Structures are given as structure tokens and as C-alpha cells.
Amino acid sequence: MACTGLYQVHRGQVWGFLESPILYMSSSASPLLSEKQVDRILEANNDDYGGVIVEMTNEPMEAHVFVSLLRASLSHWRQLGKKGVWIKMPIELVNLVEPAVKEGFYYHHAESRYVMLVHWLPSTANTLPANASHRVGIGAFVMNEKNEVLVVQEKVGKTHGKGVWKFPTGVVDEGEDICNAAVREVKEETGIDSKFVEVIAFGQRHKSFFEKSDLFFVCMLQPLSFNLWPQEAEIEAAQWMPFEEYTAQPFVQKHEFLRYIADVCLAKRDRGYSGFSPVPMASSFSQTKSYLYLNRQGLDF
């Protein structure tokens, strides 16, 4: 366990180089530490940009203990010339969020089990990156040998109750590739097994989901099965519909985005339009596989 500064906090313990560990606990368990005892440094890891990252454990901590540790830590990091300070605060330590904000921290982002707080230390312009600005969605263009496309009617959403037939759509999960998300969504909504072929178009929309922008990828898939099993919770009905009948819907004709998508699908079917196929490769940032989506025309692989 690497030490940052003279002291560190780890798993509910304050450690010193020459001292035995001193436990801090809630008042219901044992007496709290004195102000002198908690004048220590929070454990932190250096990031790649001149800052530090603190990952708090979910062990209970009283606010005044945390504030003393935090103030000493901030002073120490300033002396070291550190820039951004990130604190990953688990939901169990929600009582420490307000004290951190009062010490100059602000919200960067939140997930189901933690909130990420951040603070810029120097007097120079803040160059910390903003929270992720986009979410990623997919629409699935699936056509069988009869030139019928796979369409659904939804039980929820903006098209519910309007008689609109639309392509299966969904959101890419965290850590999920676009190509896998498209196959999954088709299976979940319709029961159809499919094989990903390529991305045939994508678009960008803003302010679409809790002030976030949206990257929407239209994906072509090849059906591997044909019997429909619509998802009961969200899908009212699913069917194979002649492509021309799909495009003739007033809803499609009314929306320019959908008309363009229909034209691209038609070009793919009839005129050899080529989209972007996934090429698997090793990621330079992690051990997981990633994909590069490219147009193979004119390439040797």
C-alpha cells in the first residue's frame, strides 16, 4: 500500500509511519478522535495530469474528522504543486458531501453508488475535463429475404398509442460495444437472433436526455431467426413489414431524420451503399478488446 504524504487513511484507519493504527468510528461505537489526532493526510493516488484521486472506502466517518483530514490534505497537495483533486465518495458517506462542498469541491458526476467531487487547486484557469456530454443509442435496420423490415410498436415513449411502427432502438450499456448493443436490443425487443453487419449512418442530437447530447447509430443486422417474441414489458407488437409500407407511414414522412435513414436503408438494399464495419483490435488503454468502425472500400483488409 503506497503512502501519499506523511499519513494516510485506509479502510477506516489512520496510519502514521511510526505509530500504531488509530481507528476512527462513529460515536455509537467508540469515542471520536481528537482534533490533534485527525490532523493527517488522506490517501490518494497521482493521476496522469498532475492531480490526485482519493477513493473513500464506505467505512463510517464523522464530518469533523473528514474536514480536518481534508484541510490538511489540501494544504499538503498545494505545497506539492498538485492541480485537480478528485474525491470518489461512496453513497454510504453522503454525510461528507456537504462538508467537501464547503471546502471548495463541486459535483463532477454521479453514478448509482457514488458521487465524484472535484476541486481545482491552483490560481490558473481550471482545465479539468467536464463530465461526459453524450450517451449512445442504436437503431436496428433488420431486413429479411422478402424485403421486409423488423419493426415494433412501443408500450412506452413518445410513439406510444400513435400506431407508429419503428425500428428496434435502445441505449448502449456501460462497457458495451455498439455492435453488441444492436444485437442485444433486437433480441430483447423482438426475440430475433441477428448478426451485426455495419453502421450505415449516425446522427447527433442535443439536449435529448437530462441536458445530455445523444449519438445515435443506425445499424444494419442480418436476421438469423424469424419467429417473433415481443418483449412484454415495453413492446406492444412486433412484425415483419414490407419496407415500402414502413417508409410510407406519415410519421416517417413527417420527420426529416427518418426520411434520410429510410433513403440510406434503400441505398444499402438496392445500390450497394457501404457503411462502416467493425474491426476488432486490442485497446492501447486497457486489456479489453475494442472496435474501429470503417468503410472497407479501397482497403486491403
Protein backbone atom coordinates (compact mmCIF):
# COMPACT_ATOMS: atom_id res chain seq x y z
CA MET A 1 0.00 0.00 0.00
CA ALA A 2 1.71 3.19 -1.19
CA CYS A 3 1.72 6.16 1.15
CA THR A 4 0.87 9.67 -0.01
CA GLY A 5 2.37 12.30 2.26
CA LEU A 6 3.20 11.56 5.87
CA TYR A 7 -0.02 9.83 6.82
CA GLN A 8 -2.88 8.07 5.12
CA VAL A 9 -6.40 6.80 5.72
CA HIS A 10 -7.17 3.26 4.61
CA ARG A 11 -10.17 1.09 5.40
CA GLY A 12 -11.23 3.16 8.37
CA GLN A 13 -7.78 3.56 9.86
CA VAL A 14 -5.39 6.50 10.21
CA TRP A 15 -1.82 5.33 9.73
CA GLY A 16 1.44 7.07 10.67
CA PHE A 17 4.92 5.91 9.80
CA LEU A 18 5.92 5.36 13.41
CA GLU A 19 2.56 4.96 15.05
CA SER A 20 0.13 2.12 15.58
CA PRO A 21 -3.09 2.44 13.61
CA ILE A 22 -5.72 4.62 15.28
CA LEU A 23 -9.29 3.67 14.49
CA TYR A 24 -11.96 6.24 13.78
CA MET A 25 -15.52 5.08 14.30
CA SER A 26 -18.96 6.51 14.64
CA SER A 27 -19.92 7.93 18.03
CA SER A 28 -22.14 4.94 18.70
CA ALA A 29 -19.14 2.59 18.58
CA SER A 30 -16.33 4.41 20.40
CA PRO A 31 -15.12 7.93 21.23
CA LEU A 32 -14.16 10.05 18.23
CA LEU A 33 -10.60 11.16 17.65
CA SER A 34 -9.43 14.49 18.99
CA GLU A 35 -8.64 17.34 16.58
CA LYS A 36 -4.92 16.70 17.04
CA GLN A 37 -5.27 13.04 16.27
CA VAL A 38 -7.03 13.58 12.94
CA ASP A 39 -4.51 16.08 11.55
CA ARG A 40 -3.38 13.60 8.91
CA ILE A 41 -3.28 13.24 5.12
CA LEU A 42 -5.90 11.40 3.04
CA GLU A 43 -4.61 8.54 0.98
CA ALA A 44 -4.51 9.48 -2.70
CA ASN A 45 -3.12 8.24 -5.99
CA ASN A 46 -1.49 10.51 -8.53
CA ASP A 47 -3.35 10.84 -11.83
CA ASP A 48 -1.71 11.37 -15.23
CA TYR A 49 -2.36 15.12 -15.30
CA GLY A 50 -0.70 16.50 -12.20
CA GLY A 51 -3.61 15.83 -9.86
CA VAL A 52 -4.63 13.30 -7.23
CA ILE A 53 -7.53 10.88 -6.83
CA VAL A 54 -8.98 9.95 -3.44
CA GLU A 55 -11.18 6.86 -3.30
CA MET A 56 -13.00 6.85 0.02
CA THR A 57 -13.99 3.49 1.46
CA ASN A 58 -17.53 3.02 2.78
CA GLU A 59 -16.37 2.89 6.41
CA PRO A 60 -18.37 5.40 8.53
CA MET A 61 -16.64 8.73 9.24
CA GLU A 62 -17.83 11.76 11.18
CA ALA A 63 -17.88 15.05 9.28
CA HIS A 64 -15.45 16.91 11.56
CA VAL A 65 -12.90 14.10 11.22
CA PHE A 66 -13.15 14.25 7.46
CA VAL A 67 -12.90 18.04 7.34
CA SER A 68 -9.70 18.01 9.40
CA LEU A 69 -8.19 15.35 7.14
CA LEU A 70 -9.30 17.17 4.02
CA ARG A 71 -7.92 20.56 5.04
CA ALA A 72 -4.54 19.06 5.93
CA SER A 73 -4.54 17.14 2.65
CA LEU A 74 -5.39 20.18 0.53
CA SER A 75 -2.58 22.15 2.16
CA HIS A 76 -0.15 19.31 1.50
CA TRP A 77 -1.19 18.90 -2.13
CA ARG A 78 -0.88 22.64 -2.77
CA GLN A 79 2.70 22.51 -1.44
CA LEU A 80 3.38 19.67 -3.88
CA GLY A 81 2.00 21.74 -6.76
CA LYS A 82 -0.92 19.41 -7.43
CA LYS A 83 -3.73 20.65 -9.67
CA GLY A 84 -7.02 18.76 -9.71
CA VAL A 85 -8.25 16.83 -6.69
CA TRP A 86 -10.87 14.14 -7.28
CA ILE A 87 -12.79 12.51 -4.43
CA LYS A 88 -14.86 9.43 -5.19
CA MET A 89 -17.43 9.45 -2.41
CA PRO A 90 -19.48 6.26 -1.91
CA ILE A 91 -23.17 6.65 -1.20
CA GLU A 92 -22.62 5.38 2.35
CA LEU A 93 -20.66 8.58 3.10
CA VAL A 94 -23.31 11.02 1.89
CA ASN A 95 -22.84 12.93 5.16
CA LEU A 96 -19.41 14.04 3.89
CA VAL A 97 -20.60 15.60 0.64
CA GLU A 98 -21.74 18.90 2.13
CA PRO A 99 -18.52 19.42 4.13
CA ALA A 100 -16.48 18.76 0.98
CA VAL A 101 -18.54 21.29 -0.99
CA LYS A 102 -17.94 23.88 1.74
CA GLU A 103 -14.19 23.29 1.30
CA GLY A 104 -14.41 24.22 -2.38
CA PHE A 105 -15.37 20.95 -4.08
CA TYR A 106 -18.14 20.69 -6.67
CA TYR A 107 -20.05 17.87 -8.33
CA HIS A 108 -18.45 16.36 -11.42
CA HIS A 109 -20.73 13.37 -11.95
CA ALA A 110 -22.71 10.77 -10.07
CA GLU A 111 -23.42 7.07 -10.51
CA SER A 112 -25.74 4.75 -8.62
CA ARG A 113 -23.26 4.05 -5.81
CA TYR A 114 -21.05 7.14 -5.66
CA VAL A 115 -20.66 10.84 -6.40
CA MET A 116 -17.45 12.25 -7.84
CA LEU A 117 -16.36 15.56 -6.33
CA VAL A 118 -13.59 17.71 -7.77
CA HIS A 119 -11.58 20.78 -6.78
CA TRP A 120 -9.04 22.84 -8.79
CA LEU A 121 -6.18 23.96 -6.55
CA PRO A 122 -4.02 26.46 -8.49
CA SER A 123 -4.99 30.03 -9.30
CA THR A 124 -4.63 29.30 -13.02
CA ALA A 125 -7.57 28.54 -15.33
CA ASN A 126 -9.39 25.31 -14.49
CA THR A 127 -8.57 22.72 -17.17
CA LEU A 128 -10.33 19.72 -15.62
CA PRO A 129 -12.43 17.86 -18.22
CA ALA A 130 -16.18 18.20 -17.95
CA ASN A 131 -18.43 15.23 -17.31
CA ALA A 132 -19.30 13.02 -20.28
CA SER A 133 -21.54 15.02 -22.59
CA HIS A 134 -23.17 12.24 -24.63
CA ARG A 135 -24.99 8.98 -24.34
CA VAL A 136 -25.01 6.45 -27.20
CA GLY A 137 -28.12 4.95 -28.78
CA ILE A 138 -28.73 2.50 -31.61
CA GLY A 139 -31.46 1.86 -34.14
CA ALA A 140 -31.58 -1.56 -35.82
CA PHE A 141 -32.29 -1.97 -39.55
CA VAL A 142 -33.05 -5.68 -39.97
CA MET A 143 -34.33 -6.90 -43.35
CA ASN A 144 -35.23 -10.43 -44.39
CA GLU A 145 -35.05 -12.00 -47.86
CA LYS A 146 -38.60 -10.83 -48.63
CA ASN A 147 -37.51 -7.19 -48.31
CA GLU A 148 -39.45 -6.93 -45.06
CA VAL A 149 -38.03 -4.92 -42.18
CA LEU A 150 -38.33 -5.74 -38.50
CA VAL A 151 -40.50 -3.13 -36.75
CA VAL A 152 -42.11 -2.68 -33.35
CA GLN A 153 -44.78 -0.64 -31.62
CA GLU A 154 -43.85 0.55 -28.14
CA LYS A 155 -45.88 0.50 -24.93
CA VAL A 156 -43.93 3.48 -23.61
CA GLY A 157 -42.29 6.57 -25.04
CA LYS A 158 -43.30 9.32 -27.45
CA THR A 159 -44.77 6.98 -30.06
CA HIS A 160 -46.96 5.02 -27.63
CA GLY A 161 -50.60 4.88 -28.69
CA LYS A 162 -50.00 6.58 -32.07
CA GLY A 163 -49.95 3.45 -34.23
CA VAL A 164 -46.35 4.07 -35.26
CA TRP A 165 -44.15 1.20 -36.41
CA LYS A 166 -40.46 1.86 -35.84
CA PHE A 167 -37.11 0.11 -35.90
CA PRO A 168 -35.98 -1.51 -32.64
CA THR A 169 -33.95 1.06 -30.68
CA GLY A 170 -32.09 1.23 -27.40
CA VAL A 171 -29.19 2.63 -25.41
CA VAL A 172 -25.69 1.19 -25.31
CA ASP A 173 -24.86 -0.07 -21.81
CA GLU A 174 -21.71 0.93 -19.96
CA GLY A 175 -18.76 -1.09 -21.28
CA GLU A 176 -20.79 -2.42 -24.23
CA ASP A 177 -19.77 -2.13 -27.87
CA ILE A 178 -22.16 -0.60 -30.40
CA CYS A 179 -22.28 -3.79 -32.46
CA ASN A 180 -23.13 -5.94 -29.44
CA ALA A 181 -25.72 -3.46 -28.19
CA ALA A 182 -27.57 -3.60 -31.51
CA VAL A 183 -27.75 -7.41 -31.43
CA ARG A 184 -28.88 -7.35 -27.79
CA GLU A 185 -31.62 -4.77 -28.32
CA VAL A 186 -33.07 -6.66 -31.29
CA LYS A 187 -33.13 -9.85 -29.26
CA GLU A 188 -34.66 -8.20 -26.20
CA GLU A 189 -37.40 -6.33 -28.05
CA THR A 190 -38.39 -8.89 -30.68
CA GLY A 191 -36.85 -12.28 -29.81
CA ILE A 192 -34.99 -12.27 -33.15
CA ASP A 193 -31.40 -13.51 -33.24
CA SER A 194 -29.24 -11.45 -35.57
CA LYS A 195 -25.72 -10.81 -36.82
CA PHE A 196 -24.25 -7.32 -36.90
CA VAL A 197 -23.27 -6.17 -40.40
CA GLU A 198 -22.31 -2.49 -40.24
CA VAL A 199 -23.11 1.03 -39.12
CA ILE A 200 -24.90 2.67 -42.04
CA ALA A 201 -25.42 6.15 -40.59
CA PHE A 202 -25.20 8.12 -37.36
CA GLY A 203 -26.52 11.38 -36.05
CA GLN A 204 -26.01 13.77 -33.16
CA ARG A 205 -28.79 15.45 -31.19
CA HIS A 206 -28.51 17.85 -28.27
CA LYS A 207 -30.50 18.30 -25.04
CA SER A 208 -32.13 14.94 -25.58
CA PHE A 209 -31.67 13.28 -22.17
CA PHE A 210 -31.21 15.21 -18.90
CA GLU A 211 -29.37 18.00 -20.75
CA LYS A 212 -27.04 15.48 -22.41
CA SER A 213 -26.44 15.10 -26.13
CA ASP A 214 -27.12 11.89 -27.98
CA LEU A 215 -25.08 9.98 -30.56
CA PHE A 216 -27.44 7.70 -32.46
CA PHE A 217 -26.06 4.90 -34.66
CA VAL A 218 -28.23 3.23 -37.29
CA CYS A 219 -27.01 -0.34 -37.60
CA MET A 220 -27.75 -2.95 -40.22
CA LEU A 221 -28.16 -6.51 -38.94
CA GLN A 222 -28.78 -9.82 -40.69
CA PRO A 223 -31.58 -11.89 -39.14
CA LEU A 224 -30.65 -15.40 -38.03
CA SER A 225 -34.15 -16.34 -36.84
CA PHE A 226 -37.61 -15.17 -37.85
CA ASN A 227 -40.16 -16.10 -35.19
CA LEU A 228 -41.18 -13.08 -33.16
CA TRP A 229 -41.37 -12.96 -29.36
CA PRO A 230 -42.03 -9.32 -28.42
CA GLN A 231 -40.83 -8.07 -25.06
CA GLU A 232 -43.92 -7.88 -22.85
CA ALA A 233 -42.82 -5.00 -20.63
CA GLU A 234 -42.10 -2.38 -23.31
CA ILE A 235 -43.20 -3.68 -26.73
CA GLU A 236 -46.85 -3.66 -27.78
CA ALA A 237 -46.31 -5.61 -31.02
CA ALA A 238 -43.62 -6.65 -33.49
CA GLN A 239 -43.81 -7.73 -37.10
CA TRP A 240 -42.03 -8.09 -40.42
CA MET A 241 -43.31 -5.23 -42.59
CA PRO A 242 -42.69 -4.55 -46.31
CA PHE A 243 -40.06 -1.81 -46.49
CA GLU A 244 -42.19 0.44 -48.69
CA GLU A 245 -45.05 0.19 -46.20
CA TYR A 246 -42.73 1.26 -43.41
CA THR A 247 -41.44 4.29 -45.31
CA ALA A 248 -44.99 5.33 -46.32
CA GLN A 249 -46.04 5.91 -42.71
CA PRO A 250 -46.95 9.57 -42.10
CA PHE A 251 -44.71 9.54 -39.03
CA VAL A 252 -41.68 8.63 -41.19
CA GLN A 253 -42.55 11.08 -43.95
CA LYS A 254 -43.05 13.89 -41.45
CA HIS A 255 -39.60 13.63 -39.85
CA GLU A 256 -36.59 14.57 -41.99
CA PHE A 257 -34.22 12.43 -39.91
CA LEU A 258 -36.33 9.30 -40.51
CA ARG A 259 -36.68 10.05 -44.22
CA TYR A 260 -32.92 10.25 -44.57
CA ILE A 261 -32.50 6.98 -42.69
CA ALA A 262 -35.05 5.32 -44.96
CA ASP A 263 -33.16 6.59 -48.02
CA VAL A 264 -29.88 5.21 -46.67
CA CYS A 265 -31.51 1.83 -46.00
CA LEU A 266 -32.89 1.81 -49.52
CA ALA A 267 -29.47 2.67 -50.94
CA LYS A 268 -27.98 -0.18 -48.95
CA ARG A 269 -30.57 -2.59 -50.32
CA ASP A 270 -30.51 -1.52 -53.97
CA ARG A 271 -27.41 0.50 -54.82
CA GLY A 272 -24.50 -1.03 -52.97
CA TYR A 273 -24.16 1.70 -50.36
CA SER A 274 -21.37 0.78 -47.95
CA GLY A 275 -21.35 1.67 -44.30
CA PHE A 276 -18.83 1.13 -41.52
CA SER A 277 -17.87 -2.40 -40.46
CA PRO A 278 -16.35 -3.22 -37.05
CA VAL A 279 -12.70 -4.26 -36.99
CA PRO A 280 -11.66 -5.76 -33.63
CA MET A 281 -8.39 -4.64 -32.11
CA ALA A 282 -6.57 -4.56 -28.81
CA SER A 283 -7.09 -1.36 -26.87
CA SER A 284 -4.00 0.73 -26.08
CA PHE A 285 -5.66 1.91 -22.85
CA SER A 286 -6.86 -1.38 -21.35
CA GLN A 287 -6.78 -5.13 -21.78
CA THR A 288 -10.26 -5.25 -23.28
CA LYS A 289 -10.97 -5.59 -26.99
CA SER A 290 -12.31 -2.58 -28.84
CA TYR A 291 -13.61 -1.90 -32.34
CA LEU A 292 -12.73 0.52 -35.10
CA TYR A 293 -15.66 1.11 -37.47
CA LEU A 294 -14.56 1.82 -41.02
CA ASN A 295 -15.58 1.66 -44.68
CA ARG A 296 -13.63 -1.22 -46.21
CA GLN A 297 -13.85 0.08 -49.79
CA GLY A 298 -10.34 0.71 -51.12
CA LEU A 299 -8.70 -1.09 -48.20
CA ASP A 300 -6.70 -4.32 -48.33
CA PHE A 301 -8.29 -5.95 -45.28
